[in-house]
């Protein structure tokens, strides 16, 4: 269930930021794991409920958005760098 909440959060952040990024399932799982780890939700009971409560708190919501956008920014820079290395 927490994956559903995470997907809703991710879609909300992407739509509000105007980013048009398509993530593979592996990348979504990686972001999900890093997000839970960063906010101390890994291994807790009711991760879904904790994630939803965190999203409802305006301060934590901003931090979650910042984390997701920073993660996506690193991903975009990495992909752009990979494309540029092959160009002569």
Foldseek 3Di string as FASTA:
>chain_A
DLLVVLVVLLVVLCVVVVDDDDDDPVVSVVLVVVLCVVVVNPPDPPSNVVSVVLCVPVVSVVVSSVSSVVVVVVVVVVVVVVVVVPDD
